[in-house]
């Protein structure tokens, strides 16, 4: 699957600015990997369940995740942060 364009929800940028510097740098690298292959094994991309069943997530570093939705052929990044973004 090729991602044509990534759109960023304002909440994503708000959360991104609050991240520790090392996580921001890692996130930039992971986003580049995502652009090339959204299902790269290094990202652990997976569909969520329950009230978030329309959303997906991939791992940035440790507990840090990017929350997003597919809007084929585009993607919308909704939020970034530790697991509590799922609530």
PDB file of N, CA and C in Angstrom:
ATOM      1  N   UNK A   1       0.840  -1.188   0.000  1.00  0.00           N
ATOM      2  CA  UNK A   1       0.000   0.000   0.000  1.00  0.00           C
ATOM      3  C   UNK A   1       0.880   1.245   0.000  1.00  0.00           C
ATOM      4  N   UNK A   2       0.558   2.174  -0.862  1.00  0.00           N
ATOM      5  CA  UNK A   2       1.295   3.432  -0.933  1.00  0.00           C
ATOM      6  C   UNK A   2       0.419   4.535  -0.357  1.00  0.00           C
ATOM      7  N   UNK A   3       0.993   5.320   0.522  1.00  0.00           N
ATOM      8  CA  UNK A   3       0.291   6.460   1.102  1.00  0.00           C
ATOM      9  C   UNK A   3       0.552   7.667   0.200  1.00  0.00           C
ATOM     10  N   UNK A   4      -0.508   8.211  -0.354  1.00  0.00           N
ATOM     11  CA  UNK A   4      -0.356   9.354  -1.245  1.00  0.00           C
ATOM     12  C   UNK A   4      -0.020  10.628  -0.474  1.00  0.00           C
ATOM     13  N   UNK A   5      -0.768  10.891   0.590  1.00  0.00           N
ATOM     14  CA  UNK A   5      -0.549  12.107   1.357  1.00  0.00           C
ATOM     15  C   UNK A   5      -0.929  11.862   2.816  1.00  0.00           C
ATOM     16  N   UNK A   6      -0.194  12.484   3.723  1.00  0.00           N
ATOM     17  CA  UNK A   6      -0.520  12.427   5.144  1.00  0.00           C
ATOM     18  C   UNK A   6      -1.031  13.799   5.566  1.00  0.00           C
ATOM     19  N   UNK A   7      -2.215  13.807   6.155  1.00  0.00           N
ATOM     20  CA  UNK A   7      -2.784  15.023   6.731  1.00  0.00           C
ATOM     21  C   UNK A   7      -2.622  14.935   8.246  1.00  0.00           C
ATOM     22  N   UNK A   8      -2.442  16.062   8.871  1.00  0.00           N
ATOM     23  CA  UNK A   8      -2.205  16.106  10.311  1.00  0.00           C
ATOM     24  C   UNK A   8      -3.324  16.875  11.005  1.00  0.00           C
ATOM     25  N   UNK A   9      -4.014  16.199  11.897  1.00  0.00           N
ATOM     26  CA  UNK A   9      -5.047  16.841  12.707  1.00  0.00           C
ATOM     27  C   UNK A   9      -4.362  17.834  13.653  1.00  0.00           C
ATOM     28  N   UNK A  10      -4.991  18.958  13.977  1.00  0.00           N
ATOM     29  CA  UNK A  10      -4.372  19.916  14.905  1.00  0.00           C
ATOM     30  C   UNK A  10      -3.960  19.291  16.252  1.00  0.00           C
ATOM     31  N   UNK A  11      -4.727  18.293  16.714  1.00  0.00           N
ATOM     32  CA  UNK A  11      -4.369  17.630  17.973  1.00  0.00           C
ATOM     33  C   UNK A  11      -3.033  16.915  17.859  1.00  0.00           C
ATOM     34  N   UNK A  12      -2.726  16.376  16.684  1.00  0.00           N
ATOM     35  CA  UNK A  12      -1.442  15.711  16.490  1.00  0.00           C
ATOM     36  C   UNK A  12      -0.310  16.697  16.759  1.00  0.00           C
ATOM     37  N   UNK A  13      -0.382  17.895  16.143  1.00  0.00           N
ATOM     38  CA  UNK A  13       0.699  18.883  16.316  1.00  0.00           C
ATOM     39  C   UNK A  13       0.779  19.379  17.748  1.00  0.00           C
ATOM     40  N   UNK A  14      -0.354  19.533  18.394  1.00  0.00           N
ATOM     41  CA  UNK A  14      -0.370  19.969  19.801  1.00  0.00           C
ATOM     42  C   UNK A  14       0.360  18.940  20.673  1.00  0.00           C
ATOM     43  N   UNK A  15       0.047  17.680  20.466  1.00  0.00           N
ATOM     44  CA  UNK A  15       0.694  16.606  21.235  1.00  0.00           C
ATOM     45  C   UNK A  15       2.162  16.462  20.852  1.00  0.00           C
ATOM     46  N   UNK A  16       2.464  16.588  19.563  1.00  0.00           N
ATOM     47  CA  UNK A  16       3.841  16.447  19.082  1.00  0.00           C
ATOM     48  C   UNK A  16       4.761  17.461  19.765  1.00  0.00           C
ATOM     49  N   UNK A  17       4.312  18.683  19.897  1.00  0.00           N
ATOM     50  CA  UNK A  17       5.126  19.738  20.514  1.00  0.00           C
ATOM     51  C   UNK A  17       5.430  19.464  21.982  1.00  0.00           C
ATOM     52  N   UNK A  18       4.604  18.675  22.621  1.00  0.00           N
ATOM     53  CA  UNK A  18       4.801  18.344  24.046  1.00  0.00           C
ATOM     54  C   UNK A  18       5.714  17.139  24.272  1.00  0.00           C
ATOM     55  N   UNK A  19       6.050  16.432  23.219  1.00  0.00           N
ATOM     56  CA  UNK A  19       6.871  15.229  23.354  1.00  0.00           C
ATOM     57  C   UNK A  19       8.301  15.583  23.747  1.00  0.00           C
ATOM     58  N   UNK A  20       8.974  14.671  24.456  1.00  0.00           N
ATOM     59  CA  UNK A  20      10.406  14.856  24.694  1.00  0.00           C
ATOM     60  C   UNK A  20      11.144  14.908  23.349  1.00  0.00           C
ATOM     61  N   UNK A  21      12.226  15.628  23.296  1.00  0.00           N
ATOM     62  CA  UNK A  21      12.976  15.833  22.055  1.00  0.00           C
ATOM     63  C   UNK A  21      13.362  14.510  21.380  1.00  0.00           C
ATOM     64  N   UNK A  22      13.827  13.537  22.167  1.00  0.00           N
ATOM     65  CA  UNK A  22      14.246  12.273  21.572  1.00  0.00           C
ATOM     66  C   UNK A  22      13.073  11.536  20.924  1.00  0.00           C
ATOM     67  N   UNK A  23      11.887  11.658  21.496  1.00  0.00           N
ATOM     68  CA  UNK A  23      10.709  11.006  20.927  1.00  0.00           C
ATOM     69  C   UNK A  23      10.290  11.727  19.644  1.00  0.00           C
ATOM     70  N   UNK A  24      10.389  13.058  19.630  1.00  0.00           N
ATOM     71  CA  UNK A  24      10.072  13.808  18.408  1.00  0.00           C
ATOM     72  C   UNK A  24      10.984  13.393  17.257  1.00  0.00           C
ATOM     73  N   UNK A  25      12.274  13.254  17.547  1.00  0.00           N
ATOM     74  CA  UNK A  25      13.225  12.841  16.500  1.00  0.00           C
ATOM     75  C   UNK A  25      12.911  11.434  15.997  1.00  0.00           C
ATOM     76  N   UNK A  26      12.613  10.535  16.920  1.00  0.00           N
ATOM     77  CA  UNK A  26      12.272   9.166  16.534  1.00  0.00           C
ATOM     78  C   UNK A  26      10.969   9.145  15.732  1.00  0.00           C
ATOM     79  N   UNK A  27      10.008   9.974  16.127  1.00  0.00           N
ATOM     80  CA  UNK A  27       8.733  10.041  15.418  1.00  0.00           C
ATOM     81  C   UNK A  27       8.943  10.475  13.969  1.00  0.00           C
ATOM     82  N   UNK A  28       9.788  11.446  13.739  1.00  0.00           N
ATOM     83  CA  UNK A  28      10.068  11.901  12.377  1.00  0.00           C
ATOM     84  C   UNK A  28      10.614  10.753  11.526  1.00  0.00           C
ATOM     85  N   UNK A  29      11.513   9.964  12.108  1.00  0.00           N
ATOM     86  CA  UNK A  29      12.084   8.823  11.383  1.00  0.00           C
ATOM     87  C   UNK A  29      11.017   7.767  11.105  1.00  0.00           C
ATOM     88  N   UNK A  30      10.174   7.499  12.103  1.00  0.00           N
ATOM     89  CA  UNK A  30       9.124   6.481  11.943  1.00  0.00           C
ATOM     90  C   UNK A  30       8.080   6.924  10.915  1.00  0.00           C
ATOM     91  N   UNK A  31       7.788   8.210  10.875  1.00  0.00           N
ATOM     92  CA  UNK A  31       6.841   8.719   9.882  1.00  0.00           C
ATOM     93  C   UNK A  31       7.398   8.514   8.479  1.00  0.00           C
ATOM     94  N   UNK A  32       8.688   8.698   8.309  1.00  0.00           N
ATOM     95  CA  UNK A  32       9.312   8.445   7.003  1.00  0.00           C
ATOM     96  C   UNK A  32       9.202   6.981   6.615  1.00  0.00           C
ATOM     97  N   UNK A  33       9.394   6.085   7.581  1.00  0.00           N
ATOM     98  CA  UNK A  33       9.227   4.651   7.318  1.00  0.00           C
ATOM     99  C   UNK A  33       7.775   4.388   6.934  1.00  0.00           C
ATOM    100  N   UNK A  34       6.847   4.982   7.675  1.00  0.00           N
ATOM    101  CA  UNK A  34       5.416   4.807   7.410  1.00  0.00           C
ATOM    102  C   UNK A  34       5.067   5.236   5.990  1.00  0.00           C
ATOM    103  N   UNK A  35       5.625   6.344   5.539  1.00  0.00           N
ATOM    104  CA  UNK A  35       5.344   6.836   4.182  1.00  0.00           C
ATOM    105  C   UNK A  35       5.747   5.814   3.125  1.00  0.00           C
ATOM    106  N   UNK A  36       6.854   5.121   3.364  1.00  0.00           N
ATOM    107  CA  UNK A  36       7.343   4.115   2.416  1.00  0.00           C
ATOM    108  C   UNK A  36       6.575   2.802   2.511  1.00  0.00           C
ATOM    109  N   UNK A  37       6.240   2.398   3.749  1.00  0.00           N
ATOM    110  CA  UNK A  37       5.554   1.126   3.976  1.00  0.00           C
ATOM    111  C   UNK A  37       4.787   1.193   5.291  1.00  0.00           C
ATOM    112  N   UNK A  38       3.484   1.545   5.234  1.00  0.00           N
ATOM    113  CA  UNK A  38       2.704   1.684   6.462  1.00  0.00           C
ATOM    114  C   UNK A  38       2.626   0.412   7.307  1.00  0.00           C
ATOM    115  N   UNK A  39       2.925  -0.720   6.692  1.00  0.00           N
ATOM    116  CA  UNK A  39       2.861  -1.986   7.426  1.00  0.00           C
ATOM    117  C   UNK A  39       4.235  -2.607   7.641  1.00  0.00           C
ATOM    118  N   UNK A  40       5.264  -1.785   7.650  1.00  0.00           N
ATOM    119  CA  UNK A  40       6.604  -2.270   7.964  1.00  0.00           C
ATOM    120  C   UNK A  40       6.570  -2.946   9.331  1.00  0.00           C
ATOM    121  N   UNK A  41       7.232  -4.078   9.434  1.00  0.00           N
ATOM    122  CA  UNK A  41       7.224  -4.805  10.714  1.00  0.00           C
ATOM    123  C   UNK A  41       7.837  -3.985  11.848  1.00  0.00           C
ATOM    124  N   UNK A  42       8.697  -3.050  11.527  1.00  0.00           N
ATOM    125  CA  UNK A  42       9.321  -2.233  12.569  1.00  0.00           C
ATOM    126  C   UNK A  42       8.333  -1.272  13.226  1.00  0.00           C
ATOM    127  N   UNK A  43       7.193  -1.014  12.580  1.00  0.00           N
ATOM    128  CA  UNK A  43       6.210  -0.073  13.114  1.00  0.00           C
ATOM    129  C   UNK A  43       5.147  -0.733  13.991  1.00  0.00           C
ATOM    130  N   UNK A  44       4.961  -2.031  13.835  1.00  0.00           N
ATOM    131  CA  UNK A  44       3.901  -2.739  14.564  1.00  0.00           C
ATOM    132  C   UNK A  44       2.541  -2.067  14.330  1.00  0.00           C
ATOM    133  N   UNK A  45       2.231  -1.773  13.082  1.00  0.00           N
ATOM    134  CA  UNK A  45       0.959  -1.146  12.719  1.00  0.00           C
ATOM    135  C   UNK A  45      -0.178  -2.121  12.985  1.00  0.00           C
ATOM    136  N   UNK A  46      -1.222  -1.636  13.669  1.00  0.00           N
ATOM    137  CA  UNK A  46      -2.354  -2.512  13.955  1.00  0.00           C
ATOM    138  C   UNK A  46      -3.646  -1.715  14.090  1.00  0.00           C
ATOM    139  N   UNK A  47      -4.734  -2.382  13.777  1.00  0.00           N
ATOM    140  CA  UNK A  47      -6.069  -1.809  13.900  1.00  0.00           C
ATOM    141  C   UNK A  47      -6.492  -1.885  15.358  1.00  0.00           C
ATOM    142  N   UNK A  48      -7.161  -0.849  15.816  1.00  0.00           N
ATOM    143  CA  UNK A  48      -7.614  -0.808  17.200  1.00  0.00           C
ATOM    144  C   UNK A  48      -9.000  -1.437  17.328  1.00  0.00           C
ATOM    145  N   UNK A  49      -9.465  -1.598  18.556  1.00  0.00           N
ATOM    146  CA  UNK A  49     -10.728  -2.273  18.838  1.00  0.00           C
ATOM    147  C   UNK A  49     -11.634  -1.379  19.667  1.00  0.00           C
ATOM    148  N   UNK A  50     -12.832  -1.840  19.888  1.00  0.00           N
ATOM    149  CA  UNK A  50     -13.782  -1.122  20.730  1.00  0.00           C
ATOM    150  C   UNK A  50     -14.191   0.202  20.128  1.00  0.00           C
ATOM    151  N   UNK A  51     -14.232   1.241  20.951  1.00  0.00           N
ATOM    152  CA  UNK A  51     -14.695   2.544  20.471  1.00  0.00           C
ATOM    153  C   UNK A  51     -13.752   3.163  19.439  1.00  0.00           C
ATOM    154  N   UNK A  52     -12.534   2.641  19.343  1.00  0.00           N
ATOM    155  CA  UNK A  52     -11.561   3.147  18.369  1.00  0.00           C
ATOM    156  C   UNK A  52     -11.413   2.213  17.168  1.00  0.00           C
ATOM    157  N   UNK A  53     -12.419   1.386  16.907  1.00  0.00           N
ATOM    158  CA  UNK A  53     -12.302   0.332  15.894  1.00  0.00           C
ATOM    159  C   UNK A  53     -12.070   0.847  14.476  1.00  0.00           C
ATOM    160  N   UNK A  54     -12.317   2.109  14.209  1.00  0.00           N
ATOM    161  CA  UNK A  54     -12.053   2.678  12.885  1.00  0.00           C
ATOM    162  C   UNK A  54     -10.635   3.247  12.774  1.00  0.00           C
ATOM    163  N   UNK A  55      -9.883   3.201  13.870  1.00  0.00           N
ATOM    164  CA  UNK A  55      -8.563   3.817  13.901  1.00  0.00           C
ATOM    165  C   UNK A  55      -7.459   2.769  13.945  1.00  0.00           C
ATOM    166  N   UNK A  56      -6.269   3.230  13.622  1.00  0.00           N
ATOM    167  CA  UNK A  56      -5.076   2.399  13.595  1.00  0.00           C
ATOM    168  C   UNK A  56      -3.992   3.055  14.435  1.00  0.00           C
ATOM    169  N   UNK A  57      -2.943   2.303  14.712  1.00  0.00           N
ATOM    170  CA  UNK A  57      -1.841   2.813  15.510  1.00  0.00           C
ATOM    171  C   UNK A  57      -0.537   2.199  15.018  1.00  0.00           C
ATOM    172  N   UNK A  58       0.551   2.963  15.163  1.00  0.00           N
ATOM    173  CA  UNK A  58       1.876   2.377  14.970  1.00  0.00           C
ATOM    174  C   UNK A  58       2.819   2.884  16.049  1.00  0.00           C
ATOM    175  N   UNK A  59       3.842   2.072  16.325  1.00  0.00           N
ATOM    176  CA  UNK A  59       4.774   2.347  17.406  1.00  0.00           C
ATOM    177  C   UNK A  59       5.862   3.323  16.954  1.00  0.00           C
ATOM    178  N   UNK A  60       6.099   4.316  17.813  1.00  0.00           N
ATOM    179  CA  UNK A  60       7.204   5.249  17.592  1.00  0.00           C
ATOM    180  C   UNK A  60       8.408   4.778  18.382  1.00  0.00           C
ATOM    181  N   UNK A  61       8.212   4.591  19.681  1.00  0.00           N
ATOM    182  CA  UNK A  61       9.293   4.197  20.584  1.00  0.00           C
ATOM    183  C   UNK A  61       8.662   3.795  21.907  1.00  0.00           C
ATOM    184  N   UNK A  62       8.991   2.610  22.408  1.00  0.00           N
ATOM    185  CA  UNK A  62       8.456   2.181  23.693  1.00  0.00           C
ATOM    186  C   UNK A  62       6.954   2.309  23.744  1.00  0.00           C
ATOM    187  N   UNK A  63       6.464   3.107  24.682  1.00  0.00           N
ATOM    188  CA  UNK A  63       5.023   3.296  24.855  1.00  0.00           C
ATOM    189  C   UNK A  63       4.418   4.324  23.900  1.00  0.00           C
ATOM    190  N   UNK A  64       5.216   5.037  23.145  1.00  0.00           N
ATOM    191  CA  UNK A  64       4.753   6.127  22.284  1.00  0.00           C
ATOM    192  C   UNK A  64       4.159   5.594  20.984  1.00  0.00           C
ATOM    193  N   UNK A  65       2.966   6.109  20.628  1.00  0.00           N
ATOM    194  CA  UNK A  65       2.236   5.651  19.449  1.00  0.00           C
ATOM    195  C   UNK A  65       1.712   6.821  18.628  1.00  0.00           C
ATOM    196  N   UNK A  66       1.487   6.567  17.340  1.00  0.00           N
ATOM    197  CA  UNK A  66       0.764   7.488  16.475  1.00  0.00           C
ATOM    198  C   UNK A  66      -0.597   6.868  16.207  1.00  0.00           C
ATOM    199  N   UNK A  67      -1.636   7.637  16.415  1.00  0.00           N
ATOM    200  CA  UNK A  67      -3.008   7.219  16.189  1.00  0.00           C
ATOM    201  C   UNK A  67      -3.459   7.831  14.856  1.00  0.00           C
ATOM    202  N   UNK A  68      -4.031   7.015  13.955  1.00  0.00           N
ATOM    203  CA  UNK A  68      -4.372   7.523  12.628  1.00  0.00           C
ATOM    204  C   UNK A  68      -5.538   6.759  12.024  1.00  0.00           C
ATOM    205  N   UNK A  69      -6.035   7.306  10.906  1.00  0.00           N
ATOM    206  CA  UNK A  69      -7.058   6.612  10.118  1.00  0.00           C
ATOM    207  C   UNK A  69      -6.625   6.612   8.656  1.00  0.00           C
ATOM    208  N   UNK A  70      -7.018   5.559   7.963  1.00  0.00           N
ATOM    209  CA  UNK A  70      -6.815   5.489   6.518  1.00  0.00           C
ATOM    210  C   UNK A  70      -7.996   6.175   5.844  1.00  0.00           C
ATOM    211  N   UNK A  71      -7.706   7.037   4.896  1.00  0.00           N
ATOM    212  CA  UNK A  71      -8.710   7.683   4.059  1.00  0.00           C
ATOM    213  C   UNK A  71      -8.186   7.517   2.639  1.00  0.00           C
ATOM    214  N   UNK A  72      -8.236   6.268   2.159  1.00  0.00           N
ATOM    215  CA  UNK A  72      -7.537   5.843   0.942  1.00  0.00           C
ATOM    216  C   UNK A  72      -7.639   6.845  -0.193  1.00  0.00           C
ATOM    217  N   UNK A  73      -6.539   7.179  -0.812  1.00  0.00           N
ATOM    218  CA  UNK A  73      -5.188   6.677  -0.571  1.00  0.00           C
ATOM    219  C   UNK A  73      -4.402   7.529   0.428  1.00  0.00           C
ATOM    220  N   UNK A  74      -5.119   8.345   1.193  1.00  0.00           N
ATOM    221  CA  UNK A  74      -4.465   9.236   2.149  1.00  0.00           C
ATOM    222  C   UNK A  74      -4.562   8.678   3.565  1.00  0.00           C
ATOM    223  N   UNK A  75      -3.860   9.365   4.476  1.00  0.00           N
ATOM    224  CA  UNK A  75      -3.872   9.005   5.889  1.00  0.00           C
ATOM    225  C   UNK A  75      -4.030  10.290   6.682  1.00  0.00           C
ATOM    226  N   UNK A  76      -4.749  10.198   7.795  1.00  0.00           N
ATOM    227  CA  UNK A  76      -4.878  11.341   8.695  1.00  0.00           C
ATOM    228  C   UNK A  76      -4.295  10.943  10.042  1.00  0.00           C
ATOM    229  N   UNK A  77      -3.218  11.608  10.452  1.00  0.00           N
ATOM    230  CA  UNK A  77      -2.637  11.397  11.769  1.00  0.00           C
ATOM    231  C   UNK A  77      -3.459  12.196  12.769  1.00  0.00           C
ATOM    232  N   UNK A  78      -4.036  11.509  13.743  1.00  0.00           N
ATOM    233  CA  UNK A  78      -4.939  12.130  14.699  1.00  0.00           C
ATOM    234  C   UNK A  78      -4.240  12.600  15.965  1.00  0.00           C
ATOM    235  N   UNK A  79      -3.325  11.787  16.485  1.00  0.00           N
ATOM    236  CA  UNK A  79      -2.673  12.115  17.755  1.00  0.00           C
ATOM    237  C   UNK A  79      -1.383  11.315  17.875  1.00  0.00           C
ATOM    238  N   UNK A  80      -0.553  11.732  18.797  1.00  0.00           N
ATOM    239  CA  UNK A  80       0.689  11.021  19.104  1.00  0.00           C
ATOM    240  C   UNK A  80       0.915  11.129  20.602  1.00  0.00           C
ATOM    241  N   UNK A  81       1.335  10.032  21.204  1.00  0.00           N
ATOM    242  CA  UNK A  81       1.592  10.043  22.635  1.00  0.00           C
ATOM    243  C   UNK A  81       1.671   8.640  23.199  1.00  0.00           C
ATOM    244  N   UNK A  82       1.724   8.552  24.524  1.00  0.00           N
ATOM    245  CA  UNK A  82       1.741   7.227  25.159  1.00  0.00           C
ATOM    246  C   UNK A  82       0.359   6.585  25.068  1.00  0.00           C
ATOM    247  N   UNK A  83       0.231   5.388  25.572  1.00  0.00           N
ATOM    248  CA  UNK A  83      -1.019   4.621  25.426  1.00  0.00           C
ATOM    249  C   UNK A  83      -2.281   5.370  25.845  1.00  0.00           C
ATOM    250  N   UNK A  84      -2.194   6.361  26.710  1.00  0.00           N
ATOM    251  CA  UNK A  84      -3.418   7.047  27.158  1.00  0.00           C
ATOM    252  C   UNK A  84      -4.146   7.765  26.022  1.00  0.00           C
ATOM    253  N   UNK A  85      -3.519   7.931  24.848  1.00  0.00           N
ATOM    254  CA  UNK A  85      -4.221   8.557  23.720  1.00  0.00           C
ATOM    255  C   UNK A  85      -5.357   7.681  23.228  1.00  0.00           C
ATOM    256  N   UNK A  86      -5.379   6.406  23.620  1.00  0.00           N
ATOM    257  CA  UNK A  86      -6.442   5.502  23.199  1.00  0.00           C
ATOM    258  C   UNK A  86      -7.729   5.730  23.964  1.00  0.00           C
ATOM    259  N   UNK A  87      -7.683   6.517  25.015  1.00  0.00           N
ATOM    260  CA  UNK A  87      -8.880   6.728  25.863  1.00  0.00           C
ATOM    261  C   UNK A  87      -9.686   7.905  25.412  1.00  0.00           C
TER     262      UNK A  87
END
